PDB file of N, CA and C in Angstrom:
ATOM      1  N   MET A   1       0.963  -1.238   0.038  1.00  0.00           N
ATOM      2  CA  MET A   1       0.059   0.214  -0.031  1.00  0.00           C
ATOM      3  C   MET A   1       0.979   1.368   0.017  1.00  0.00           C
ATOM      4  N   SER A   2       0.166   2.464  -0.614  1.00  0.00           N
ATOM      5  CA  SER A   2       1.148   3.435  -0.559  1.00  0.00           C
ATOM      6  C   SER A   2       0.171   4.738  -0.516  1.00  0.00           C
ATOM      7  N   ALA A   3       0.767   5.891   0.124  1.00  0.00           N
ATOM      8  CA  ALA A   3       0.069   6.851   0.264  1.00  0.00           C
ATOM      9  C   ALA A   3       0.345   7.860  -1.119  1.00  0.00           C
ATOM     10  N   VAL A   4      -0.459   8.217  -1.809  1.00  0.00           N
ATOM     11  CA  VAL A   4      -0.336   9.334  -2.948  1.00  0.00           C
ATOM     12  C   VAL A   4      -1.191  10.514  -3.109  1.00  0.00           C
ATOM     13  N   ARG A   5      -0.776  11.511  -3.643  1.00  0.00           N
ATOM     14  CA  ARG A   5      -1.866  12.612  -4.228  1.00  0.00           C
ATOM     15  C   ARG A   5      -1.781  12.165  -5.496  1.00  0.00           C
ATOM     16  N   ILE A   6      -3.227  12.175  -6.082  1.00  0.00           N
ATOM     17  CA  ILE A   6      -3.936  11.902  -7.515  1.00  0.00           C
ATOM     18  C   ILE A   6      -4.255  13.331  -7.608  1.00  0.00           C
ATOM     19  N   THR A   7      -3.700  13.520  -9.016  1.00  0.00           N
ATOM     20  CA  THR A   7      -4.273  14.738  -9.682  1.00  0.00           C
ATOM     21  C   THR A   7      -5.259  14.664 -10.815  1.00  0.00           C
ATOM     22  N   PHE A   8      -6.498  14.892 -10.750  1.00  0.00           N
ATOM     23  CA  PHE A   8      -7.426  14.629 -11.993  1.00  0.00           C
ATOM     24  C   PHE A   8      -7.358  15.897 -12.732  1.00  0.00           C
ATOM     25  N   GLN A   9      -7.593  15.657 -13.971  1.00  0.00           N
ATOM     26  CA  GLN A   9      -7.945  16.902 -15.009  1.00  0.00           C
ATOM     27  C   GLN A   9      -9.053  16.846 -15.584  1.00  0.00           C
ATOM     28  N   ARG A  10     -10.089  17.542 -15.580  1.00  0.00           N
ATOM     29  CA  ARG A  10     -11.109  17.742 -16.369  1.00  0.00           C
ATOM     30  C   ARG A  10     -10.906  17.294 -17.814  1.00  0.00           C
ATOM     31  N   ASP A  11     -11.866  16.396 -18.646  1.00  0.00           N
ATOM     32  CA  ASP A  11     -11.630  16.218 -19.933  1.00  0.00           C
ATOM     33  C   ASP A  11     -11.663  17.345 -20.543  1.00  0.00           C
ATOM     34  N   ASP A  12     -12.947  18.244 -20.848  1.00  0.00           N
ATOM     35  CA  ASP A  12     -13.154  19.286 -21.436  1.00  0.00           C
ATOM     36  C   ASP A  12     -12.481  20.801 -21.116  1.00  0.00           C
ATOM     37  N   ASP A  13     -12.004  20.749 -19.778  1.00  0.00           N
ATOM     38  CA  ASP A  13     -11.224  21.956 -19.493  1.00  0.00           C
ATOM     39  C   ASP A  13     -10.028  21.979 -18.663  1.00  0.00           C
ATOM     40  N   ALA A  14      -8.937  22.010 -19.017  1.00  0.00           N
ATOM     41  CA  ALA A  14      -7.540  21.741 -18.756  1.00  0.00           C
ATOM     42  C   ALA A  14      -7.261  22.557 -17.272  1.00  0.00           C
ATOM     43  N   ASN A  15      -8.005  23.698 -17.067  1.00  0.00           N
ATOM     44  CA  ASN A  15      -7.911  24.467 -15.885  1.00  0.00           C
ATOM     45  C   ASN A  15      -8.786  23.846 -14.510  1.00  0.00           C
ATOM     46  N   GLU A  16      -9.651  22.936 -14.851  1.00  0.00           N
ATOM     47  CA  GLU A  16     -10.606  22.336 -13.890  1.00  0.00           C
ATOM     48  C   GLU A  16     -10.080  21.241 -13.436  1.00  0.00           C
ATOM     49  N   GLY A  17      -9.863  20.937 -12.032  1.00  0.00           N
ATOM     50  CA  GLY A  17      -9.290  19.459 -11.771  1.00  0.00           C
ATOM     51  C   GLY A  17      -9.345  19.394 -10.217  1.00  0.00           C
ATOM     52  N   MET A  18      -9.185  18.190  -9.524  1.00  0.00           N
ATOM     53  CA  MET A  18      -9.018  17.982  -8.380  1.00  0.00           C
ATOM     54  C   MET A  18      -7.495  17.166  -7.920  1.00  0.00           C
ATOM     55  N   HIS A  19      -7.510  17.406  -6.396  1.00  0.00           N
ATOM     56  CA  HIS A  19      -6.250  16.690  -5.840  1.00  0.00           C
ATOM     57  C   HIS A  19      -7.042  15.768  -4.855  1.00  0.00           C
ATOM     58  N   ILE A  20      -6.534  14.480  -4.613  1.00  0.00           N
ATOM     59  CA  ILE A  20      -6.956  13.773  -3.601  1.00  0.00           C
ATOM     60  C   ILE A  20      -5.790  12.902  -3.043  1.00  0.00           C
ATOM     61  N   ASP A  21      -5.642  13.196  -1.919  1.00  0.00           N
ATOM     62  CA  ASP A  21      -4.543  12.453  -0.940  1.00  0.00           C
ATOM     63  C   ASP A  21      -5.383  10.966  -0.687  1.00  0.00           C
ATOM     64  N   ILE A  22      -4.893   9.931  -0.906  1.00  0.00           N
ATOM     65  CA  ILE A  22      -5.413   8.663  -0.948  1.00  0.00           C
ATOM     66  C   ILE A  22      -4.413   7.542  -0.638  1.00  0.00           C
ATOM     67  N   VAL A  23      -4.851   6.502  -0.050  1.00  0.00           N
ATOM     68  CA  VAL A  23      -4.028   5.372  -0.048  1.00  0.00           C
ATOM     69  C   VAL A  23      -4.584   4.498  -1.063  1.00  0.00           C
ATOM     70  N   LEU A  24      -3.444   3.670  -1.785  1.00  0.00           N
ATOM     71  CA  LEU A  24      -3.713   2.862  -2.985  1.00  0.00           C
ATOM     72  C   LEU A  24      -3.100   1.430  -2.492  1.00  0.00           C
ATOM     73  N   ASN A  25      -3.887   0.492  -2.785  1.00  0.00           N
ATOM     74  CA  ASN A  25      -3.475  -0.967  -2.465  1.00  0.00           C
ATOM     75  C   ASN A  25      -3.397  -1.556  -3.964  1.00  0.00           C
ATOM     76  N   GLY A  26      -2.257  -1.247  -4.496  1.00  0.00           N
ATOM     77  CA  GLY A  26      -2.041  -1.751  -6.013  1.00  0.00           C
ATOM     78  C   GLY A  26      -2.560  -0.511  -6.834  1.00  0.00           C
ATOM     79  N   ALA A  27      -3.363  -0.847  -7.528  1.00  0.00           N
ATOM     80  CA  ALA A  27      -4.195   0.506  -8.374  1.00  0.00           C
ATOM     81  C   ALA A  27      -5.470   0.672  -8.087  1.00  0.00           C
ATOM     82  N   GLN A  28      -5.946   0.239  -6.794  1.00  0.00           N
ATOM     83  CA  GLN A  28      -7.443   0.421  -6.112  1.00  0.00           C
ATOM     84  C   GLN A  28      -7.298   1.089  -4.865  1.00  0.00           C
ATOM     85  N   VAL A  29      -8.372   2.127  -4.644  1.00  0.00           N
ATOM     86  CA  VAL A  29      -8.245   2.741  -3.470  1.00  0.00           C
ATOM     87  C   VAL A  29      -8.475   1.853  -2.141  1.00  0.00           C
ATOM     88  N   LYS A  30      -7.719   1.971  -1.412  1.00  0.00           N
ATOM     89  CA  LYS A  30      -7.791   1.232  -0.016  1.00  0.00           C
ATOM     90  C   LYS A  30      -9.266   1.484   0.671  1.00  0.00           C
ATOM     91  N   LYS A  31     -10.387   0.687   0.804  1.00  0.00           N
ATOM     92  CA  LYS A  31     -11.448   1.105   1.075  1.00  0.00           C
ATOM     93  C   LYS A  31     -11.527   1.064   2.608  1.00  0.00           C
ATOM     94  N   GLY A  32     -12.642   1.606   3.287  1.00  0.00           N
ATOM     95  CA  GLY A  32     -12.713   1.504   4.638  1.00  0.00           C
ATOM     96  C   GLY A  32     -12.452   3.113   5.295  1.00  0.00           C
ATOM     97  N   THR A  33     -12.047   3.999   4.667  1.00  0.00           N
ATOM     98  CA  THR A  33     -11.641   5.363   5.295  1.00  0.00           C
ATOM     99  C   THR A  33     -12.011   6.216   4.317  1.00  0.00           C
ATOM    100  N   ASP A  34     -12.052   7.413   5.022  1.00  0.00           N
ATOM    101  CA  ASP A  34     -12.333   8.561   4.000  1.00  0.00           C
ATOM    102  C   ASP A  34     -11.034   9.462   3.669  1.00  0.00           C
ATOM    103  N   TYR A  35     -11.360  10.102   2.505  1.00  0.00           N
ATOM    104  CA  TYR A  35     -10.107  10.927   2.050  1.00  0.00           C
ATOM    105  C   TYR A  35     -10.225  12.325   1.817  1.00  0.00           C
ATOM    106  N   PHE A  36      -9.227  12.991   1.852  1.00  0.00           N
ATOM    107  CA  PHE A  36      -9.418  14.603   1.744  1.00  0.00           C
ATOM    108  C   PHE A  36      -8.906  14.888   0.275  1.00  0.00           C
ATOM    109  N   GLY A  37      -9.835  15.776  -0.155  1.00  0.00           N
ATOM    110  CA  GLY A  37      -9.539  16.390  -1.369  1.00  0.00           C
ATOM    111  C   GLY A  37      -9.862  17.701  -1.554  1.00  0.00           C
ATOM    112  N   VAL A  38      -9.570  18.155  -2.948  1.00  0.00           N
ATOM    113  CA  VAL A  38      -9.921  19.901  -3.455  1.00  0.00           C
ATOM    114  C   VAL A  38     -10.178  19.818  -4.730  1.00  0.00           C
ATOM    115  N   TRP A  39     -11.196  20.343  -5.052  1.00  0.00           N
ATOM    116  CA  TRP A  39     -11.664  20.722  -6.318  1.00  0.00           C
ATOM    117  C   TRP A  39     -11.266  22.041  -6.613  1.00  0.00           C
ATOM    118  N   TYR A  40     -10.523  22.603  -8.053  1.00  0.00           N
ATOM    119  CA  TYR A  40      -9.978  23.707  -8.161  1.00  0.00           C
ATOM    120  C   TYR A  40     -10.600  23.955  -9.687  1.00  0.00           C
ATOM    121  N   ASP A  41     -10.679  25.286  -9.764  1.00  0.00           N
ATOM    122  CA  ASP A  41     -10.681  26.077 -11.074  1.00  0.00           C
ATOM    123  C   ASP A  41      -9.789  27.182 -11.327  1.00  0.00           C
ATOM    124  N   LYS A  42      -8.674  26.908 -11.907  1.00  0.00           N
ATOM    125  CA  LYS A  42      -7.454  27.896 -12.061  1.00  0.00           C
ATOM    126  C   LYS A  42      -8.029  29.100 -12.815  1.00  0.00           C
ATOM    127  N   THR A  43      -9.230  29.132 -13.928  1.00  0.00           N
ATOM    128  CA  THR A  43      -9.505  30.002 -14.557  1.00  0.00           C
ATOM    129  C   THR A  43     -10.342  31.221 -13.209  1.00  0.00           C
ATOM    130  N   GLU A  44     -11.019  30.729 -12.590  1.00  0.00           N
ATOM    131  CA  GLU A  44     -11.933  31.595 -11.514  1.00  0.00           C
ATOM    132  C   GLU A  44     -11.221  31.626 -10.035  1.00  0.00           C
ATOM    133  N   GLY A  45     -10.091  30.916 -10.283  1.00  0.00           N
ATOM    134  CA  GLY A  45      -9.212  30.962  -8.715  1.00  0.00           C
ATOM    135  C   GLY A  45     -10.080  30.296  -7.738  1.00  0.00           C
ATOM    136  N   THR A  46     -10.784  29.495  -7.798  1.00  0.00           N
ATOM    137  CA  THR A  46     -11.787  28.820  -6.955  1.00  0.00           C
ATOM    138  C   THR A  46     -11.314  27.386  -6.357  1.00  0.00           C
ATOM    139  N   GLN A  47     -11.505  27.295  -5.418  1.00  0.00           N
ATOM    140  CA  GLN A  47     -11.006  25.867  -4.646  1.00  0.00           C
ATOM    141  C   GLN A  47     -12.108  25.709  -3.443  1.00  0.00           C
ATOM    142  N   CYS A  48     -12.481  24.004  -3.619  1.00  0.00           N
ATOM    143  CA  CYS A  48     -13.742  23.819  -3.001  1.00  0.00           C
ATOM    144  C   CYS A  48     -13.117  22.366  -2.106  1.00  0.00           C
ATOM    145  N   PRO A  49     -12.916  22.289  -0.912  1.00  0.00           N
ATOM    146  CA  PRO A  49     -12.469  21.212  -0.309  1.00  0.00           C
ATOM    147  C   PRO A  49     -13.474  20.008  -0.218  1.00  0.00           C
ATOM    148  N   PHE A  50     -13.274  18.923   0.034  1.00  0.00           N
ATOM    149  CA  PHE A  50     -14.217  18.037   0.189  1.00  0.00           C
ATOM    150  C   PHE A  50     -13.590  16.556   0.772  1.00  0.00           C
ATOM    151  N   ILE A  51     -14.499  15.532   1.045  1.00  0.00           N
ATOM    152  CA  ILE A  51     -14.343  14.370   1.420  1.00  0.00           C
ATOM    153  C   ILE A  51     -14.661  13.406   0.486  1.00  0.00           C
ATOM    154  N   LEU A  52     -13.742  12.382   0.330  1.00  0.00           N
ATOM    155  CA  LEU A  52     -14.370  11.131  -0.506  1.00  0.00           C
ATOM    156  C   LEU A  52     -14.608  10.122   0.575  1.00  0.00           C
ATOM    157  N   ASN A  53     -15.726   9.629   0.478  1.00  0.00           N
ATOM    158  CA  ASN A  53     -16.324   9.291   1.662  1.00  0.00           C
ATOM    159  C   ASN A  53     -16.368   7.519   1.299  1.00  0.00           C
ATOM    160  N   GLY A  54     -16.680   6.837   2.222  1.00  0.00           N
ATOM    161  CA  GLY A  54     -16.541   5.304   1.947  1.00  0.00           C
ATOM    162  C   GLY A  54     -17.419   4.848   0.879  1.00  0.00           C
ATOM    163  N   SER A  55     -18.751   5.595   0.699  1.00  0.00           N
ATOM    164  CA  SER A  55     -19.391   5.316  -0.435  1.00  0.00           C
ATOM    165  C   SER A  55     -19.333   5.559  -1.765  1.00  0.00           C
ATOM    166  N   GLY A  56     -17.735   6.139  -2.052  1.00  0.00           N
ATOM    167  CA  GLY A  56     -17.315   6.766  -2.958  1.00  0.00           C
ATOM    168  C   GLY A  56     -17.998   8.197  -3.721  1.00  0.00           C
ATOM    169  N   GLN A  57     -18.818   8.775  -2.829  1.00  0.00           N
ATOM    170  CA  GLN A  57     -19.369  10.327  -2.974  1.00  0.00           C
ATOM    171  C   GLN A  57     -18.086  10.995  -2.695  1.00  0.00           C
ATOM    172  N   LEU A  58     -18.118  12.380  -3.405  1.00  0.00           N
ATOM    173  CA  LEU A  58     -17.568  13.647  -3.110  1.00  0.00           C
ATOM    174  C   LEU A  58     -18.502  14.374  -2.255  1.00  0.00           C
ATOM    175  N   ASP A  59     -18.207  14.606  -0.766  1.00  0.00           N
ATOM    176  CA  ASP A  59     -19.189  15.502  -0.106  1.00  0.00           C
ATOM    177  C   ASP A  59     -18.356  16.472   0.431  1.00  0.00           C
ATOM    178  N   TYR A  60     -19.145  17.471  -0.102  1.00  0.00           N
ATOM    179  CA  TYR A  60     -18.669  18.924  -0.125  1.00  0.00           C
ATOM    180  C   TYR A  60     -19.032  19.704   1.312  1.00  0.00           C
ATOM    181  N   GLY A  61     -19.499  18.971   2.354  1.00  0.00           N
ATOM    182  CA  GLY A  61     -19.793  19.445   3.321  1.00  0.00           C
ATOM    183  C   GLY A  61     -21.103  20.111   3.657  1.00  0.00           C
ATOM    184  N   PRO A  62     -21.187  20.632   5.215  1.00  0.00           N
ATOM    185  CA  PRO A  62     -22.611  21.243   5.327  1.00  0.00           C
ATOM    186  C   PRO A  62     -22.862  22.754   4.656  1.00  0.00           C
ATOM    187  N   GLY A  63     -22.193  23.338   4.207  1.00  0.00           N
ATOM    188  CA  GLY A  63     -22.186  24.416   3.540  1.00  0.00           C
ATOM    189  C   GLY A  63     -22.809  24.313   2.089  1.00  0.00           C
ATOM    190  N   TYR A  64     -22.882  22.962   1.638  1.00  0.00           N
ATOM    191  CA  TYR A  64     -23.529  22.680   0.484  1.00  0.00           C
ATOM    192  C   TYR A  64     -24.740  21.676   0.628  1.00  0.00           C
ATOM    193  N   GLU A  65     -25.552  22.012   1.763  1.00  0.00           N
ATOM    194  CA  GLU A  65     -26.653  21.015   2.125  1.00  0.00           C
ATOM    195  C   GLU A  65     -27.700  20.872   1.298  1.00  0.00           C
ATOM    196  N   ASP A  66     -27.772  21.677   0.356  1.00  0.00           N
ATOM    197  CA  ASP A  66     -28.969  21.420  -1.008  1.00  0.00           C
ATOM    198  C   ASP A  66     -28.446  20.268  -1.670  1.00  0.00           C
ATOM    199  N   GLU A  67     -29.136  20.071  -2.777  1.00  0.00           N
ATOM    200  CA  GLU A  67     -28.793  19.228  -3.768  1.00  0.00           C
ATOM    201  C   GLU A  67     -27.259  18.846  -4.049  1.00  0.00           C
ATOM    202  N   ASP A  68     -26.490  19.719  -3.870  1.00  0.00           N
ATOM    203  CA  ASP A  68     -25.196  19.718  -4.506  1.00  0.00           C
ATOM    204  C   ASP A  68     -23.959  19.370  -3.595  1.00  0.00           C
ATOM    205  N   GLN A  69     -24.377  18.939  -2.406  1.00  0.00           N
ATOM    206  CA  GLN A  69     -23.477  18.545  -1.253  1.00  0.00           C
ATOM    207  C   GLN A  69     -22.805  17.083  -1.662  1.00  0.00           C
ATOM    208  N   TYR A  70     -23.480  16.301  -2.485  1.00  0.00           N
ATOM    209  CA  TYR A  70     -22.960  14.913  -2.797  1.00  0.00           C
ATOM    210  C   TYR A  70     -22.854  14.732  -4.256  1.00  0.00           C
ATOM    211  N   TYR A  71     -21.575  14.295  -4.692  1.00  0.00           N
ATOM    212  CA  TYR A  71     -21.552  14.012  -5.952  1.00  0.00           C
ATOM    213  C   TYR A  71     -20.944  12.314  -6.078  1.00  0.00           C
ATOM    214  N   GLU A  72     -21.711  11.795  -6.900  1.00  0.00           N
ATOM    215  CA  GLU A  72     -21.242  10.317  -6.926  1.00  0.00           C
ATOM    216  C   GLU A  72     -19.811  10.143  -8.096  1.00  0.00           C
ATOM    217  N   THR A  73     -18.761   9.177  -7.681  1.00  0.00           N
ATOM    218  CA  THR A  73     -17.748   8.648  -8.698  1.00  0.00           C
ATOM    219  C   THR A  73     -17.809   7.274  -8.818  1.00  0.00           C
ATOM    220  N   ASN A  74     -16.728   6.966  -9.516  1.00  0.00           N
ATOM    221  CA  ASN A  74     -16.299   5.683  -9.792  1.00  0.00           C
ATOM    222  C   ASN A  74     -15.060   5.402  -9.118  1.00  0.00           C
ATOM    223  N   LEU A  75     -14.510   6.142  -8.273  1.00  0.00           N
ATOM    224  CA  LEU A  75     -13.142   6.179  -7.592  1.00  0.00           C
ATOM    225  C   LEU A  75     -12.811   4.738  -6.825  1.00  0.00           C
ATOM    226  N   LEU A  76     -13.946   4.217  -6.357  1.00  0.00           N
ATOM    227  CA  LEU A  76     -13.743   3.171  -5.377  1.00  0.00           C
ATOM    228  C   LEU A  76     -13.568   1.699  -6.315  1.00  0.00           C
ATOM    229  N   THR A  77     -14.207   1.827  -7.631  1.00  0.00           N
ATOM    230  CA  THR A  77     -14.158   0.832  -8.445  1.00  0.00           C
ATOM    231  C   THR A  77     -13.177   0.758  -9.662  1.00  0.00           C
ATOM    232  N   GLN A  78     -12.724   1.922 -10.020  1.00  0.00           N
ATOM    233  CA  GLN A  78     -11.675   2.161 -10.823  1.00  0.00           C
ATOM    234  C   GLN A  78     -10.220   1.931 -10.698  1.00  0.00           C
ATOM    235  N   SER A  79      -9.725   1.389 -11.677  1.00  0.00           N
ATOM    236  CA  SER A  79      -8.199   1.120 -11.444  1.00  0.00           C
ATOM    237  C   SER A  79      -7.441   2.508 -11.791  1.00  0.00           C
ATOM    238  N   LEU A  80      -6.894   2.945 -10.708  1.00  0.00           N
ATOM    239  CA  LEU A  80      -6.185   4.163 -10.758  1.00  0.00           C
ATOM    240  C   LEU A  80      -4.749   4.352 -11.192  1.00  0.00           C
ATOM    241  N   THR A  81      -4.551   4.479 -12.478  1.00  0.00           N
ATOM    242  CA  THR A  81      -3.227   4.673 -12.975  1.00  0.00           C
ATOM    243  C   THR A  81      -3.214   6.081 -14.007  1.00  0.00           C
ATOM    244  N   PRO A  82      -1.715   6.742 -14.199  1.00  0.00           N
ATOM    245  CA  PRO A  82      -1.995   7.763 -14.882  1.00  0.00           C
ATOM    246  C   PRO A  82      -2.574   7.630 -16.332  1.00  0.00           C
ATOM    247  N   GLY A  83      -3.466   8.552 -16.649  1.00  0.00           N
ATOM    248  CA  GLY A  83      -4.267   8.525 -18.009  1.00  0.00           C
ATOM    249  C   GLY A  83      -5.406   7.734 -17.814  1.00  0.00           C
ATOM    250  N   SER A  84      -5.904   7.026 -16.729  1.00  0.00           N
ATOM    251  CA  SER A  84      -7.097   6.558 -16.438  1.00  0.00           C
ATOM    252  C   SER A  84      -8.392   7.554 -16.338  1.00  0.00           C
ATOM    253  N   PRO A  85      -9.485   6.926 -17.041  1.00  0.00           N
ATOM    254  CA  PRO A  85     -10.664   7.961 -16.883  1.00  0.00           C
ATOM    255  C   PRO A  85     -11.310   7.856 -15.732  1.00  0.00           C
ATOM    256  N   VAL A  86     -11.865   8.879 -15.103  1.00  0.00           N
ATOM    257  CA  VAL A  86     -12.901   8.681 -13.989  1.00  0.00           C
ATOM    258  C   VAL A  86     -13.887   9.580 -14.227  1.00  0.00           C
ATOM    259  N   THR A  87     -14.941   9.337 -13.715  1.00  0.00           N
ATOM    260  CA  THR A  87     -16.290   9.855 -13.846  1.00  0.00           C
ATOM    261  C   THR A  87     -16.851  10.453 -12.359  1.00  0.00           C
ATOM    262  N   VAL A  88     -17.456  11.740 -12.588  1.00  0.00           N
ATOM    263  CA  VAL A  88     -18.135  12.279 -11.303  1.00  0.00           C
ATOM    264  C   VAL A  88     -19.537  12.675 -11.827  1.00  0.00           C
ATOM    265  N   THR A  89     -20.492  12.109 -11.248  1.00  0.00           N
ATOM    266  CA  THR A  89     -22.092  12.538 -11.696  1.00  0.00           C
ATOM    267  C   THR A  89     -22.822  13.249 -10.587  1.00  0.00           C
ATOM    268  N   PHE A  90     -23.350  14.303 -11.060  1.00  0.00           N
ATOM    269  CA  PHE A  90     -24.434  15.383 -10.363  1.00  0.00           C
ATOM    270  C   PHE A  90     -25.357  15.051 -11.118  1.00  0.00           C
ATOM    271  N   GLU A  91     -26.376  14.645 -10.560  1.00  0.00           N
ATOM    272  CA  GLU A  91     -27.818  14.616 -11.213  1.00  0.00           C
ATOM    273  C   GLU A  91     -27.845  13.778 -12.210  1.00  0.00           C
ATOM    274  N   ASP A  92     -27.969  14.548 -13.586  1.00  0.00           N
ATOM    275  CA  ASP A  92     -27.924  13.678 -14.712  1.00  0.00           C
ATOM    276  C   ASP A  92     -26.732  14.135 -15.654  1.00  0.00           C
ATOM    277  N   GLU A  93     -25.966  14.936 -14.743  1.00  0.00           N
ATOM    278  CA  GLU A  93     -24.464  15.113 -15.452  1.00  0.00           C
ATOM    279  C   GLU A  93     -23.292  14.325 -15.325  1.00  0.00           C
ATOM    280  N   VAL A  94     -22.775  13.847 -16.317  1.00  0.00           N
ATOM    281  CA  VAL A  94     -21.636  13.222 -16.169  1.00  0.00           C
ATOM    282  C   VAL A  94     -20.407  14.081 -16.624  1.00  0.00           C
ATOM    283  N   ILE A  95     -19.470  14.096 -15.623  1.00  0.00           N
ATOM    284  CA  ILE A  95     -18.311  14.768 -15.864  1.00  0.00           C
ATOM    285  C   ILE A  95     -17.065  13.961 -16.000  1.00  0.00           C
ATOM    286  N   GLY A  96     -16.258  14.073 -17.066  1.00  0.00           N
ATOM    287  CA  GLY A  96     -15.169  13.148 -17.071  1.00  0.00           C
ATOM    288  C   GLY A  96     -13.814  13.886 -16.649  1.00  0.00           C
ATOM    289  N   TYR A  97     -13.061  12.910 -16.143  1.00  0.00           N
ATOM    290  CA  TYR A  97     -11.647  13.487 -15.659  1.00  0.00           C
ATOM    291  C   TYR A  97     -10.823  12.323 -15.993  1.00  0.00           C
ATOM    292  N   LYS A  98      -9.551  12.928 -16.184  1.00  0.00           N
ATOM    293  CA  LYS A  98      -8.255  11.718 -16.198  1.00  0.00           C
ATOM    294  C   LYS A  98      -7.445  11.730 -15.078  1.00  0.00           C
ATOM    295  N   ILE A  99      -6.751  10.978 -14.830  1.00  0.00           N
ATOM    296  CA  ILE A  99      -5.820  10.989 -13.970  1.00  0.00           C
ATOM    297  C   ILE A  99      -4.294  11.757 -14.753  1.00  0.00           C
ATOM    298  N   ALA A 100      -4.141  12.940 -14.090  1.00  0.00           N
ATOM    299  CA  ALA A 100      -3.093  13.663 -14.725  1.00  0.00           C
ATOM    300  C   ALA A 100      -1.459  13.259 -14.170  1.00  0.00           C
ATOM    301  N   SER A 101      -1.777  12.756 -12.794  1.00  0.00           N
ATOM    302  CA  SER A 101      -0.388  12.480 -12.119  1.00  0.00           C
ATOM    303  C   SER A 101      -0.634  11.707 -10.813  1.00  0.00           C
ATOM    304  N   ILE A 102       0.132  10.820 -10.470  1.00  0.00           N
ATOM    305  CA  ILE A 102       0.305  10.410  -9.110  1.00  0.00           C
ATOM    306  C   ILE A 102       1.611  10.229  -8.588  1.00  0.00           C
ATOM    307  N   THR A 103       1.327  11.217  -7.340  1.00  0.00           N
ATOM    308  CA  THR A 103       2.656  11.522  -6.792  1.00  0.00           C
ATOM    309  C   THR A 103       2.626  11.014  -5.186  1.00  0.00           C
ATOM    310  N   PRO A 104       3.951  10.135  -5.011  1.00  0.00           N
ATOM    311  CA  PRO A 104       3.830   9.547  -3.659  1.00  0.00           C
ATOM    312  C   PRO A 104       4.039  10.547  -2.734  1.00  0.00           C
ATOM    313  N   LEU A 105       3.437  10.316  -1.570  1.00  0.00           N
ATOM    314  CA  LEU A 105       3.512  11.021  -0.379  1.00  0.00           C
ATOM    315  C   LEU A 105       4.464  10.502   0.763  1.00  0.00           C
ATOM    316  N   ALA A 106       5.496  11.272   1.110  1.00  0.00           N
ATOM    317  CA  ALA A 106       6.477  10.625   1.928  1.00  0.00           C
ATOM    318  C   ALA A 106       5.962   9.529   2.717  1.00  0.00           C
TER     319      ALA A 106
END
């Protein structure tokens, strides 16, 4: 197992992405814990922290208590290697990302 920071880049906007600090067991997320991440938009200078919870959802916390607090992902079932596709789903919108980099954490 290894602790890593994974950087995701949105398919249709190179200025938008996410960083998640995560533990990998091979190329799979080690299940059974929550992980910290941040979504960013370099164009607008926006950052929003979130938790990747044990259900594979991005949870943006109590400040987003309406319908946009939780986003579904395939992170817990996807093999995570550089260039791999990842999807984030909110209501009927599927947002595509790819893994731009995987950086080991000390």
